[in-house]
Structures are given as structure tokens and as C-alpha cells.
Amino acid sequence: WRELRNFCLRTLKDLGYNKRSIDTRV
């Protein structure tokens, strides 16, 4: 769980989570 959680958070950050790319999708 810890490895998947960290990977998930890191990947979402890399993909632009909470950044402009998410705003564009919205």
C-alpha cells in the first residue's frame, strides 16, 4: 500500500495534478 500510494501521488504530480493541466481538463 505504501509503495502504491507513493507512486500514485508522485505520478499525479508528474501528470499535472493541481496544476494548469488539470484546469484545462476541467
mmCIF file of all heavy atoms, coordinates in Angstrom:
data_MODEL
# 
_entry.id   MODEL 
# 
loop_
_atom_site.group_PDB 
_atom_site.id 
_atom_site.type_symbol 
_atom_site.label_atom_id 
_atom_site.label_alt_id 
_atom_site.label_comp_id 
_atom_site.label_asym_id 
_atom_site.label_entity_id 
_atom_site.label_seq_id 
_atom_site.pdbx_PDB_ins_code 
_atom_site.Cartn_x 
_atom_site.Cartn_y 
_atom_site.Cartn_z 
_atom_site.occupancy 
_atom_site.B_iso_or_equiv 
_atom_site.pdbx_formal_charge 
_atom_site.auth_seq_id 
_atom_site.auth_comp_id 
_atom_site.auth_asym_id 
_atom_site.auth_atom_id 
_atom_site.pdbx_PDB_model_num 
ATOM 1   N N   . TRP A 1 1  ? 0.828   -1.211 0.000   1.00 0.00 ? 1  TRP A N   1 
ATOM 2   C CA  . TRP A 1 1  ? 0.000   0.000  0.000   1.00 0.00 ? 1  TRP A CA  1 
ATOM 3   C C   . TRP A 1 1  ? 0.859   1.256  0.000   1.00 0.00 ? 1  TRP A C   1 
ATOM 4   O O   . TRP A 1 1  ? 0.581   2.211  -0.737  1.00 0.00 ? 1  TRP A O   1 
ATOM 5   C CB  . TRP A 1 1  ? -0.919  -0.005 1.216   1.00 0.00 ? 1  TRP A CB  1 
ATOM 6   C CG  . TRP A 1 1  ? -1.578  1.328  1.451   1.00 0.00 ? 1  TRP A CG  1 
ATOM 7   C CD1 . TRP A 1 1  ? -2.525  1.928  0.674   1.00 0.00 ? 1  TRP A CD1 1 
ATOM 8   C CD2 . TRP A 1 1  ? -1.294  2.250  2.513   1.00 0.00 ? 1  TRP A CD2 1 
ATOM 9   N NE1 . TRP A 1 1  ? -2.878  3.161  1.193   1.00 0.00 ? 1  TRP A NE1 1 
ATOM 10  C CE2 . TRP A 1 1  ? -2.132  3.386  2.322   1.00 0.00 ? 1  TRP A CE2 1 
ATOM 11  C CE3 . TRP A 1 1  ? -0.455  2.222  3.621   1.00 0.00 ? 1  TRP A CE3 1 
ATOM 12  C CZ2 . TRP A 1 1  ? -2.123  4.467  3.189   1.00 0.00 ? 1  TRP A CZ2 1 
ATOM 13  C CZ3 . TRP A 1 1  ? -0.451  3.303  4.481   1.00 0.00 ? 1  TRP A CZ3 1 
ATOM 14  C CH2 . TRP A 1 1  ? -1.271  4.413  4.261   1.00 0.00 ? 1  TRP A CH2 1 
ATOM 15  N N   . ARG A 1 2  ? 1.914   1.272  0.822   1.00 0.00 ? 2  ARG A N   1 
ATOM 16  C CA  . ARG A 1 2  ? 2.767   2.447  0.905   1.00 0.00 ? 2  ARG A CA  1 
ATOM 17  C C   . ARG A 1 2  ? 3.452   2.727  -0.436  1.00 0.00 ? 2  ARG A C   1 
ATOM 18  O O   . ARG A 1 2  ? 3.554   3.879  -0.865  1.00 0.00 ? 2  ARG A O   1 
ATOM 19  C CB  . ARG A 1 2  ? 3.804   2.270  2.010   1.00 0.00 ? 2  ARG A CB  1 
ATOM 20  C CG  . ARG A 1 2  ? 3.232   2.349  3.411   1.00 0.00 ? 2  ARG A CG  1 
ATOM 21  C CD  . ARG A 1 2  ? 4.330   2.504  4.455   1.00 0.00 ? 2  ARG A CD  1 
ATOM 22  N NE  . ARG A 1 2  ? 5.195   1.342  4.514   1.00 0.00 ? 2  ARG A NE  1 
ATOM 23  C CZ  . ARG A 1 2  ? 4.929   0.255  5.249   1.00 0.00 ? 2  ARG A CZ  1 
ATOM 24  N NH1 . ARG A 1 2  ? 3.816   0.189  5.955   1.00 0.00 ? 2  ARG A NH1 1 
ATOM 25  N NH2 . ARG A 1 2  ? 5.762   -0.762 5.271   1.00 0.00 ? 2  ARG A NH2 1 
ATOM 26  N N   . GLU A 1 3  ? 3.903   1.650  -1.094  1.00 0.00 ? 3  GLU A N   1 
ATOM 27  C CA  . GLU A 1 3  ? 4.572   1.837  -2.382  1.00 0.00 ? 3  GLU A CA  1 
ATOM 28  C C   . GLU A 1 3  ? 3.588   2.336  -3.444  1.00 0.00 ? 3  GLU A C   1 
ATOM 29  O O   . GLU A 1 3  ? 3.890   3.252  -4.212  1.00 0.00 ? 3  GLU A O   1 
ATOM 30  C CB  . GLU A 1 3  ? 5.205   0.528  -2.845  1.00 0.00 ? 3  GLU A CB  1 
ATOM 31  C CG  . GLU A 1 3  ? 5.997   0.681  -4.143  1.00 0.00 ? 3  GLU A CG  1 
ATOM 32  C CD  . GLU A 1 3  ? 6.790   -0.559 -4.495  1.00 0.00 ? 3  GLU A CD  1 
ATOM 33  O OE1 . GLU A 1 3  ? 6.840   -1.494 -3.670  1.00 0.00 ? 3  GLU A OE1 1 
ATOM 34  O OE2 . GLU A 1 3  ? 7.350   -0.591 -5.607  1.00 0.00 ? 3  GLU A OE2 1 
ATOM 35  N N   . LEU A 1 4  ? 2.391   1.738  -3.482  1.00 0.00 ? 4  LEU A N   1 
ATOM 36  C CA  . LEU A 1 4  ? 1.379   2.163  -4.451  1.00 0.00 ? 4  LEU A CA  1 
ATOM 37  C C   . LEU A 1 4  ? 0.910   3.588  -4.173  1.00 0.00 ? 4  LEU A C   1 
ATOM 38  O O   . LEU A 1 4  ? 0.696   4.377  -5.093  1.00 0.00 ? 4  LEU A O   1 
ATOM 39  C CB  . LEU A 1 4  ? 0.187   1.203  -4.411  1.00 0.00 ? 4  LEU A CB  1 
ATOM 40  C CG  . LEU A 1 4  ? 0.396   -0.173 -5.037  1.00 0.00 ? 4  LEU A CG  1 
ATOM 41  C CD1 . LEU A 1 4  ? -0.829  -1.052 -4.811  1.00 0.00 ? 4  LEU A CD1 1 
ATOM 42  C CD2 . LEU A 1 4  ? 0.697   -0.067 -6.522  1.00 0.00 ? 4  LEU A CD2 1 
ATOM 43  N N   . ARG A 1 5  ? 0.737   3.914  -2.885  1.00 0.00 ? 5  ARG A N   1 
ATOM 44  C CA  . ARG A 1 5  ? 0.299   5.262  -2.517  1.00 0.00 ? 5  ARG A CA  1 
ATOM 45  C C   . ARG A 1 5  ? 1.323   6.299  -2.963  1.00 0.00 ? 5  ARG A C   1 
ATOM 46  O O   . ARG A 1 5  ? 0.973   7.318  -3.579  1.00 0.00 ? 5  ARG A O   1 
ATOM 47  C CB  . ARG A 1 5  ? 0.092   5.346  -1.012  1.00 0.00 ? 5  ARG A CB  1 
ATOM 48  C CG  . ARG A 1 5  ? -0.328  6.728  -0.520  1.00 0.00 ? 5  ARG A CG  1 
ATOM 49  C CD  . ARG A 1 5  ? -0.082  6.883  0.964   1.00 0.00 ? 5  ARG A CD  1 
ATOM 50  N NE  . ARG A 1 5  ? 1.327   6.726  1.295   1.00 0.00 ? 5  ARG A NE  1 
ATOM 51  C CZ  . ARG A 1 5  ? 1.816   6.783  2.536   1.00 0.00 ? 5  ARG A CZ  1 
ATOM 52  N NH1 . ARG A 1 5  ? 1.002   6.966  3.554   1.00 0.00 ? 5  ARG A NH1 1 
ATOM 53  N NH2 . ARG A 1 5  ? 3.113   6.634  2.758   1.00 0.00 ? 5  ARG A NH2 1 
ATOM 54  N N   . ASN A 1 6  ? 2.595   6.052  -2.649  1.00 0.00 ? 6  ASN A N   1 
ATOM 55  C CA  . ASN A 1 6  ? 3.649   6.999  -3.020  1.00 0.00 ? 6  ASN A CA  1 
ATOM 56  C C   . ASN A 1 6  ? 3.766   7.133  -4.535  1.00 0.00 ? 6  ASN A C   1 
ATOM 57  O O   . ASN A 1 6  ? 3.967   8.238  -5.066  1.00 0.00 ? 6  ASN A O   1 
ATOM 58  C CB  . ASN A 1 6  ? 4.992   6.555  -2.426  1.00 0.00 ? 6  ASN A CB  1 
ATOM 59  C CG  . ASN A 1 6  ? 5.004   6.651  -0.910  1.00 0.00 ? 6  ASN A CG  1 
ATOM 60  O OD1 . ASN A 1 6  ? 4.262   7.436  -0.325  1.00 0.00 ? 6  ASN A OD1 1 
ATOM 61  N ND2 . ASN A 1 6  ? 5.832   5.846  -0.268  1.00 0.00 ? 6  ASN A ND2 1 
ATOM 62  N N   . PHE A 1 7  ? 3.639   5.999  -5.222  1.00 0.00 ? 7  PHE A N   1 
ATOM 63  C CA  . PHE A 1 7  ? 3.706   6.027  -6.682  1.00 0.00 ? 7  PHE A CA  1 
ATOM 64  C C   . PHE A 1 7  ? 2.548   6.821  -7.250  1.00 0.00 ? 7  PHE A C   1 
ATOM 65  O O   . PHE A 1 7  ? 2.715   7.625  -8.181  1.00 0.00 ? 7  PHE A O   1 
ATOM 66  C CB  . PHE A 1 7  ? 3.677   4.600  -7.248  1.00 0.00 ? 7  PHE A CB  1 
ATOM 67  C CG  . PHE A 1 7  ? 3.572   4.543  -8.742  1.00 0.00 ? 7  PHE A CG  1 
ATOM 68  C CD1 . PHE A 1 7  ? 4.698   4.730  -9.538  1.00 0.00 ? 7  PHE A CD1 1 
ATOM 69  C CD2 . PHE A 1 7  ? 2.347   4.329  -9.361  1.00 0.00 ? 7  PHE A CD2 1 
ATOM 70  C CE1 . PHE A 1 7  ? 4.595   4.699  -10.914 1.00 0.00 ? 7  PHE A CE1 1 
ATOM 71  C CE2 . PHE A 1 7  ? 2.241   4.294  -10.736 1.00 0.00 ? 7  PHE A CE2 1 
ATOM 72  C CZ  . PHE A 1 7  ? 3.374   4.479  -11.516 1.00 0.00 ? 7  PHE A CZ  1 
ATOM 73  N N   . CYS A 1 8  ? 1.353   6.607  -6.691  1.00 0.00 ? 8  CYS A N   1 
ATOM 74  C CA  . CYS A 1 8  ? 0.158   7.304  -7.159  1.00 0.00 ? 8  CYS A CA  1 
ATOM 75  C C   . CYS A 1 8  ? 0.302   8.810  -6.992  1.00 0.00 ? 8  CYS A C   1 
ATOM 76  O O   . CYS A 1 8  ? 0.046   9.583  -7.928  1.00 0.00 ? 8  CYS A O   1 
ATOM 77  C CB  . CYS A 1 8  ? -1.060  6.793  -6.390  1.00 0.00 ? 8  CYS A CB  1 
ATOM 78  S SG  . CYS A 1 8  ? -2.618  7.572  -6.870  1.00 0.00 ? 8  CYS A SG  1 
ATOM 79  N N   . LEU A 1 9  ? 0.720   9.243  -5.811  1.00 0.00 ? 9  LEU A N   1 
ATOM 80  C CA  . LEU A 1 9  ? 0.879   10.671 -5.540  1.00 0.00 ? 9  LEU A CA  1 
ATOM 81  C C   . LEU A 1 9  ? 1.951   11.285 -6.433  1.00 0.00 ? 9  LEU A C   1 
ATOM 82  O O   . LEU A 1 9  ? 1.785   12.389 -6.966  1.00 0.00 ? 9  LEU A O   1 
ATOM 83  C CB  . LEU A 1 9  ? 1.233   10.893 -4.073  1.00 0.00 ? 9  LEU A CB  1 
ATOM 84  C CG  . LEU A 1 9  ? 0.145   10.521 -3.060  1.00 0.00 ? 9  LEU A CG  1 
ATOM 85  C CD1 . LEU A 1 9  ? 0.675   10.664 -1.640  1.00 0.00 ? 9  LEU A CD1 1 
ATOM 86  C CD2 . LEU A 1 9  ? -1.094  11.381 -3.259  1.00 0.00 ? 9  LEU A CD2 1 
ATOM 87  N N   . ARG A 1 10 ? 3.064   10.574 -6.602  1.00 0.00 ? 10 ARG A N   1 
ATOM 88  C CA  . ARG A 1 10 ? 4.163   11.079 -7.433  1.00 0.00 ? 10 ARG A CA  1 
ATOM 89  C C   . ARG A 1 10 ? 3.735   11.184 -8.900  1.00 0.00 ? 10 ARG A C   1 
ATOM 90  O O   . ARG A 1 10 ? 4.040   12.163 -9.578  1.00 0.00 ? 10 ARG A O   1 
ATOM 91  C CB  . ARG A 1 10 ? 5.368   10.141 -7.298  1.00 0.00 ? 10 ARG A CB  1 
ATOM 92  C CG  . ARG A 1 10 ? 6.616   10.625 -8.037  1.00 0.00 ? 10 ARG A CG  1 
ATOM 93  C CD  . ARG A 1 10 ? 7.810   9.763  -7.683  1.00 0.00 ? 10 ARG A CD  1 
ATOM 94  N NE  . ARG A 1 10 ? 7.621   8.369  -8.065  1.00 0.00 ? 10 ARG A NE  1 
ATOM 95  C CZ  . ARG A 1 10 ? 7.421   7.381  -7.193  1.00 0.00 ? 10 ARG A CZ  1 
ATOM 96  N NH1 . ARG A 1 10 ? 7.366   7.626  -5.887  1.00 0.00 ? 10 ARG A NH1 1 
ATOM 97  N NH2 . ARG A 1 10 ? 7.264   6.128  -7.609  1.00 0.00 ? 10 ARG A NH2 1 
ATOM 98  N N   . THR A 1 11 ? 2.994   10.180 -9.363  1.00 0.00 ? 11 THR A N   1 
ATOM 99  C CA  . THR A 1 11 ? 2.554   10.169 -10.758 1.00 0.00 ? 11 THR A CA  1 
ATOM 100 C C   . THR A 1 11 ? 1.542   11.270 -11.032 1.00 0.00 ? 11 THR A C   1 
ATOM 101 O O   . THR A 1 11 ? 1.619   11.948 -12.057 1.00 0.00 ? 11 THR A O   1 
ATOM 102 C CB  . THR A 1 11 ? 1.930   8.803  -11.103 1.00 0.00 ? 11 THR A CB  1 
ATOM 103 O OG1 . THR A 1 11 ? 2.906   7.777  -10.909 1.00 0.00 ? 11 THR A OG1 1 
ATOM 104 C CG2 . THR A 1 11 ? 1.457   8.772  -12.547 1.00 0.00 ? 11 THR A CG2 1 
ATOM 105 N N   . LEU A 1 12 ? 0.591   11.460 -10.113 1.00 0.00 ? 12 LEU A N   1 
ATOM 106 C CA  . LEU A 1 12 ? -0.403  12.517 -10.291 1.00 0.00 ? 12 LEU A CA  1 
ATOM 107 C C   . LEU A 1 12 ? 0.266   13.888 -10.333 1.00 0.00 ? 12 LEU A C   1 
ATOM 108 O O   . LEU A 1 12 ? -0.145  14.772 -11.087 1.00 0.00 ? 12 LEU A O   1 
ATOM 109 C CB  . LEU A 1 12 ? -1.434  12.463 -9.159  1.00 0.00 ? 12 LEU A CB  1 
ATOM 110 C CG  . LEU A 1 12 ? -2.391  11.272 -9.183  1.00 0.00 ? 12 LEU A CG  1 
ATOM 111 C CD1 . LEU A 1 12 ? -3.287  11.279 -7.955  1.00 0.00 ? 12 LEU A CD1 1 
ATOM 112 C CD2 . LEU A 1 12 ? -3.241  11.285 -10.455 1.00 0.00 ? 12 LEU A CD2 1 
ATOM 113 N N   . LYS A 1 13 ? 1.305   14.036 -9.537  1.00 0.00 ? 13 LYS A N   1 
ATOM 114 C CA  . LYS A 1 13 ? 2.047   15.295 -9.539  1.00 0.00 ? 13 LYS A CA  1 
ATOM 115 C C   . LYS A 1 13 ? 2.752   15.490 -10.881 1.00 0.00 ? 13 LYS A C   1 
ATOM 116 O O   . LYS A 1 13 ? 2.740   16.580 -11.457 1.00 0.00 ? 13 LYS A O   1 
ATOM 117 C CB  . LYS A 1 13 ? 3.062   15.309 -8.403  1.00 0.00 ? 13 LYS A CB  1 
ATOM 118 C CG  . LYS A 1 13 ? 3.851   16.607 -8.301  1.00 0.00 ? 13 LYS A CG  1 
ATOM 119 C CD  . LYS A 1 13 ? 4.814   16.577 -7.131  1.00 0.00 ? 13 LYS A CD  1 
ATOM 120 C CE  . LYS A 1 13 ? 5.611   17.866 -7.045  1.00 0.00 ? 13 LYS A CE  1 
ATOM 121 N NZ  . LYS A 1 13 ? 6.568   17.841 -5.906  1.00 0.00 ? 13 LYS A NZ  1 
ATOM 122 N N   . ASP A 1 14 ? 3.372   14.426 -11.385 1.00 0.00 ? 14 ASP A N   1 
ATOM 123 C CA  . ASP A 1 14 ? 4.069   14.497 -12.665 1.00 0.00 ? 14 ASP A CA  1 
ATOM 124 C C   . ASP A 1 14 ? 3.109   14.779 -13.822 1.00 0.00 ? 14 ASP A C   1 
ATOM 125 O O   . ASP A 1 14 ? 3.475   15.437 -14.804 1.00 0.00 ? 14 ASP A O   1 
ATOM 126 C CB  . ASP A 1 14 ? 4.826   13.192 -12.940 1.00 0.00 ? 14 ASP A CB  1 
ATOM 127 C CG  . ASP A 1 14 ? 5.976   12.978 -11.960 1.00 0.00 ? 14 ASP A CG  1 
ATOM 128 O OD1 . ASP A 1 14 ? 6.416   13.974 -11.345 1.00 0.00 ? 14 ASP A OD1 1 
ATOM 129 O OD2 . ASP A 1 14 ? 6.422   11.821 -11.808 1.00 0.00 ? 14 ASP A OD2 1 
ATOM 130 N N   . LEU A 1 15 ? 1.883   14.264 -13.699 1.00 0.00 ? 15 LEU A N   1 
ATOM 131 C CA  . LEU A 1 15 ? 0.891   14.442 -14.765 1.00 0.00 ? 15 LEU A CA  1 
ATOM 132 C C   . LEU A 1 15 ? 0.194   15.797 -14.685 1.00 0.00 ? 15 LEU A C   1 
ATOM 133 O O   . LEU A 1 15 ? -0.646  16.111 -15.523 1.00 0.00 ? 15 LEU A O   1 
ATOM 134 C CB  . LEU A 1 15 ? -0.155  13.321 -14.705 1.00 0.00 ? 15 LEU A CB  1 
ATOM 135 C CG  . LEU A 1 15 ? 0.347   11.921 -15.066 1.00 0.00 ? 15 LEU A CG  1 
ATOM 136 C CD1 . LEU A 1 15 ? -0.751  10.889 -14.829 1.00 0.00 ? 15 LEU A CD1 1 
ATOM 137 C CD2 . LEU A 1 15 ? 0.804   11.861 -16.516 1.00 0.00 ? 15 LEU A CD2 1 
ATOM 138 N N   . GLY A 1 16 ? 0.526   16.570 -13.648 1.00 0.00 ? 16 GLY A N   1 
ATOM 139 C CA  . GLY A 1 16 ? -0.032  17.903 -13.555 1.00 0.00 ? 16 GLY A CA  1 
ATOM 140 C C   . GLY A 1 16 ? -1.181  18.051 -12.606 1.00 0.00 ? 16 GLY A C   1 
ATOM 141 O O   . GLY A 1 16 ? -1.966  18.994 -12.703 1.00 0.00 ? 16 GLY A O   1 
ATOM 142 N N   . TYR A 1 17 ? -1.332  17.111 -11.680 1.00 0.00 ? 17 TYR A N   1 
ATOM 143 C CA  . TYR A 1 17 ? -2.406  17.217 -10.696 1.00 0.00 ? 17 TYR A CA  1 
ATOM 144 C C   . TYR A 1 17 ? -2.218  18.503 -9.889  1.00 0.00 ? 17 TYR A C   1 
ATOM 145 O O   . TYR A 1 17 ? -1.129  18.812 -9.432  1.00 0.00 ? 17 TYR A O   1 
ATOM 146 C CB  . TYR A 1 17 ? -2.377  16.009 -9.768  1.00 0.00 ? 17 TYR A CB  1 
ATOM 147 C CG  . TYR A 1 17 ? -3.502  15.977 -8.759  1.00 0.00 ? 17 TYR A CG  1 
ATOM 148 C CD1 . TYR A 1 17 ? -4.804  15.745 -9.168  1.00 0.00 ? 17 TYR A CD1 1 
ATOM 149 C CD2 . TYR A 1 17 ? -3.256  16.188 -7.413  1.00 0.00 ? 17 TYR A CD2 1 
ATOM 150 C CE1 . TYR A 1 17 ? -5.836  15.708 -8.252  1.00 0.00 ? 17 TYR A CE1 1 
ATOM 151 C CE2 . TYR A 1 17 ? -4.279  16.150 -6.487  1.00 0.00 ? 17 TYR A CE2 1 
ATOM 152 C CZ  . TYR A 1 17 ? -5.568  15.908 -6.917  1.00 0.00 ? 17 TYR A CZ  1 
ATOM 153 O OH  . TYR A 1 17 ? -6.581  15.886 -5.999  1.00 0.00 ? 17 TYR A OH  1 
ATOM 154 N N   . ASN A 1 18 ? -3.306  19.257 -9.720  1.00 0.00 ? 18 ASN A N   1 
ATOM 155 C CA  . ASN A 1 18 ? -3.311  20.543 -9.019  1.00 0.00 ? 18 ASN A CA  1 
ATOM 156 C C   . ASN A 1 18 ? -2.547  21.617 -9.794  1.00 0.00 ? 18 ASN A C   1 
ATOM 157 O O   . ASN A 1 18 ? -2.141  22.617 -9.231  1.00 0.00 ? 18 ASN A O   1 
ATOM 158 C CB  . ASN A 1 18 ? -2.719  20.427 -7.606  1.00 0.00 ? 18 ASN A CB  1 
ATOM 159 C CG  . ASN A 1 18 ? -3.719  19.810 -6.647  1.00 0.00 ? 18 ASN A CG  1 
ATOM 160 O OD1 . ASN A 1 18 ? -4.916  19.838 -6.889  1.00 0.00 ? 18 ASN A OD1 1 
ATOM 161 N ND2 . ASN A 1 18 ? -3.223  19.257 -5.565  1.00 0.00 ? 18 ASN A ND2 1 
ATOM 162 N N   . LYS A 1 19 ? -2.313  21.360 -11.074 1.00 0.00 ? 19 LYS A N   1 
ATOM 163 C CA  . LYS A 1 19 ? -1.639  22.349 -11.900 1.00 0.00 ? 19 LYS A CA  1 
ATOM 164 C C   . LYS A 1 19 ? -2.556  22.755 -13.058 1.00 0.00 ? 19 LYS A C   1 
ATOM 165 O O   . LYS A 1 19 ? -3.715  22.360 -13.128 1.00 0.00 ? 19 LYS A O   1 
ATOM 166 C CB  . LYS A 1 19 ? -0.315  21.782 -12.434 1.00 0.00 ? 19 LYS A CB  1 
ATOM 167 C CG  . LYS A 1 19 ? 0.713   21.526 -11.328 1.00 0.00 ? 19 LYS A CG  1 
ATOM 168 C CD  . LYS A 1 19 ? 2.011   21.012 -11.928 1.00 0.00 ? 19 LYS A CD  1 
ATOM 169 C CE  . LYS A 1 19 ? 3.041   20.741 -10.827 1.00 0.00 ? 19 LYS A CE  1 
ATOM 170 N NZ  . LYS A 1 19 ? 4.311   20.228 -11.382 1.00 0.00 ? 19 LYS A NZ  1 
ATOM 171 N N   . ARG A 1 20 ? -2.020  23.488 -14.002 1.00 0.00 ? 20 ARG A N   1 
ATOM 172 C CA  . ARG A 1 20 ? -2.830  24.019 -15.084 1.00 0.00 ? 20 ARG A CA  1 
ATOM 173 C C   . ARG A 1 20 ? -3.406  22.944 -15.979 1.00 0.00 ? 20 ARG A C   1 
ATOM 174 O O   . ARG A 1 20 ? -4.474  23.121 -16.571 1.00 0.00 ? 20 ARG A O   1 
ATOM 175 C CB  . ARG A 1 20 ? -1.995  25.003 -15.910 1.00 0.00 ? 20 ARG A CB  1 
ATOM 176 C CG  . ARG A 1 20 ? -1.669  26.293 -15.162 1.00 0.00 ? 20 ARG A CG  1 
ATOM 177 C CD  . ARG A 1 20 ? -0.951  27.278 -16.059 1.00 0.00 ? 20 ARG A CD  1 
ATOM 178 N NE  . ARG A 1 20 ? -0.690  28.533 -15.359 1.00 0.00 ? 20 ARG A NE  1 
ATOM 179 C CZ  . ARG A 1 20 ? -0.066  29.567 -15.911 1.00 0.00 ? 20 ARG A CZ  1 
ATOM 180 N NH1 . ARG A 1 20 ? 0.371   29.482 -17.166 1.00 0.00 ? 20 ARG A NH1 1 
ATOM 181 N NH2 . ARG A 1 20 ? 0.130   30.668 -15.206 1.00 0.00 ? 20 ARG A NH2 1 
ATOM 182 N N   . SER A 1 21 ? -2.719  21.811 -16.110 1.00 0.00 ? 21 SER A N   1 
ATOM 183 C CA  . SER A 1 21 ? -3.218  20.749 -16.987 1.00 0.00 ? 21 SER A CA  1 
ATOM 184 C C   . SER A 1 21 ? -4.542  20.212 -16.488 1.00 0.00 ? 21 SER A C   1 
ATOM 185 O O   . SER A 1 21 ? -5.429  19.872 -17.272 1.00 0.00 ? 21 SER A O   1 
ATOM 186 C CB  . SER A 1 21 ? -2.197  19.619 -17.103 1.00 0.00 ? 21 SER A CB  1 
ATOM 187 O OG  . SER A 1 21 ? -1.930  19.070 -15.831 1.00 0.00 ? 21 SER A OG  1 
ATOM 188 N N   . ILE A 1 22 ? -4.706  20.135 -15.172 1.00 0.00 ? 22 ILE A N   1 
ATOM 189 C CA  . ILE A 1 22 ? -5.971  19.700 -14.605 1.00 0.00 ? 22 ILE A CA  1 
ATOM 190 C C   . ILE A 1 22 ? -7.035  20.753 -14.870 1.00 0.00 ? 22 ILE A C   1 
ATOM 191 O O   . ILE A 1 22 ? -8.183  20.443 -15.190 1.00 0.00 ? 22 ILE A O   1 
ATOM 192 C CB  . ILE A 1 22 ? -5.841  19.425 -13.090 1.00 0.00 ? 22 ILE A CB  1 
ATOM 193 C CG1 . ILE A 1 22 ? -5.082  18.133 -12.858 1.00 0.00 ? 22 ILE A CG1 1 
ATOM 194 C CG2 . ILE A 1 22 ? -7.203  19.359 -12.426 1.00 0.00 ? 22 ILE A CG2 1 
ATOM 195 C CD1 . ILE A 1 22 ? -5.831  16.896 -13.305 1.00 0.00 ? 22 ILE A CD1 1 
ATOM 196 N N   . ASP A 1 23 ? -6.667  22.019 -14.729 1.00 0.00 ? 23 ASP A N   1 
ATOM 197 C CA  . ASP A 1 23 ? -7.608  23.111 -15.012 1.00 0.00 ? 23 ASP A CA  1 
ATOM 198 C C   . ASP A 1 23 ? -8.112  23.023 -16.444 1.00 0.00 ? 23 ASP A C   1 
ATOM 199 O O   . ASP A 1 23 ? -9.290  23.252 -16.727 1.00 0.00 ? 23 ASP A O   1 
ATOM 200 C CB  . ASP A 1 23 ? -6.946  24.467 -14.778 1.00 0.00 ? 23 ASP A CB  1 
ATOM 201 C CG  . ASP A 1 23 ? -6.624  24.713 -13.312 1.00 0.00 ? 23 ASP A CG  1 
ATOM 202 O OD1 . ASP A 1 23 ? -7.252  24.060 -12.461 1.00 0.00 ? 23 ASP A OD1 1 
ATOM 203 O OD2 . ASP A 1 23 ? -5.758  25.561 -13.035 1.00 0.00 ? 23 ASP A OD2 1 
ATOM 204 N N   . THR A 1 24 ? -7.215  22.673 -17.353 1.00 0.00 ? 24 THR A N   1 
ATOM 205 C CA  . THR A 1 24 ? -7.591  22.545 -18.756 1.00 0.00 ? 24 THR A CA  1 
ATOM 206 C C   . THR A 1 24 ? -8.599  21.424 -18.951 1.00 0.00 ? 24 THR A C   1 
ATOM 207 O O   . THR A 1 24 ? -9.583  21.572 -19.689 1.00 0.00 ? 24 THR A O   1 
ATOM 208 C CB  . THR A 1 24 ? -6.343  22.264 -19.619 1.00 0.00 ? 24 THR A CB  1 
ATOM 209 O OG1 . THR A 1 24 ? -5.408  23.321 -19.454 1.00 0.00 ? 24 THR A OG1 1 
ATOM 210 C CG2 . THR A 1 24 ? -6.717  22.134 -21.086 1.00 0.00 ? 24 THR A CG2 1 
ATOM 211 N N   . ARG A 1 25 ? -8.364  20.296 -18.268 1.00 0.00 ? 25 ARG A N   1 
ATOM 212 C CA  . ARG A 1 25 ? -9.300  19.169 -18.365 1.00 0.00 ? 25 ARG A CA  1 
ATOM 213 C C   . ARG A 1 25 ? -10.665 19.543 -17.807 1.00 0.00 ? 25 ARG A C   1 
ATOM 214 O O   . ARG A 1 25 ? -11.703 19.158 -18.362 1.00 0.00 ? 25 ARG A O   1 
ATOM 215 C CB  . ARG A 1 25 ? -8.735  17.960 -17.607 1.00 0.00 ? 25 ARG A CB  1 
ATOM 216 C CG  . ARG A 1 25 ? -7.522  17.322 -18.260 1.00 0.00 ? 25 ARG A CG  1 
ATOM 217 C CD  . ARG A 1 25 ? -7.126  16.053 -17.525 1.00 0.00 ? 25 ARG A CD  1 
ATOM 218 N NE  . ARG A 1 25 ? -6.074  15.336 -18.218 1.00 0.00 ? 25 ARG A NE  1 
ATOM 219 C CZ  . ARG A 1 25 ? -4.799  15.361 -17.892 1.00 0.00 ? 25 ARG A CZ  1 
ATOM 220 N NH1 . ARG A 1 25 ? -4.415  16.109 -16.877 1.00 0.00 ? 25 ARG A NH1 1 
ATOM 221 N NH2 . ARG A 1 25 ? -3.908  14.667 -18.560 1.00 0.00 ? 25 ARG A NH2 1 
ATOM 222 N N   . VAL A 1 26 ? -10.676 20.285 -16.712 1.00 0.00 ? 26 VAL A N   1 
ATOM 223 C CA  . VAL A 1 26 ? -11.939 20.698 -16.097 1.00 0.00 ? 26 VAL A CA  1 
ATOM 224 C C   . VAL A 1 26 ? -12.699 21.635 -17.028 1.00 0.00 ? 26 VAL A C   1 
ATOM 225 O O   . VAL A 1 26 ? -13.911 21.472 -17.249 1.00 0.00 ? 26 VAL A O   1 
ATOM 226 C CB  . VAL A 1 26 ? -11.689 21.383 -14.738 1.00 0.00 ? 26 VAL A CB  1 
ATOM 227 C CG1 . VAL A 1 26 ? -12.984 21.982 -14.201 1.00 0.00 ? 26 VAL A CG1 1 
ATOM 228 C CG2 . VAL A 1 26 ? -11.125 20.384 -13.733 1.00 0.00 ? 26 VAL A CG2 1 
# 
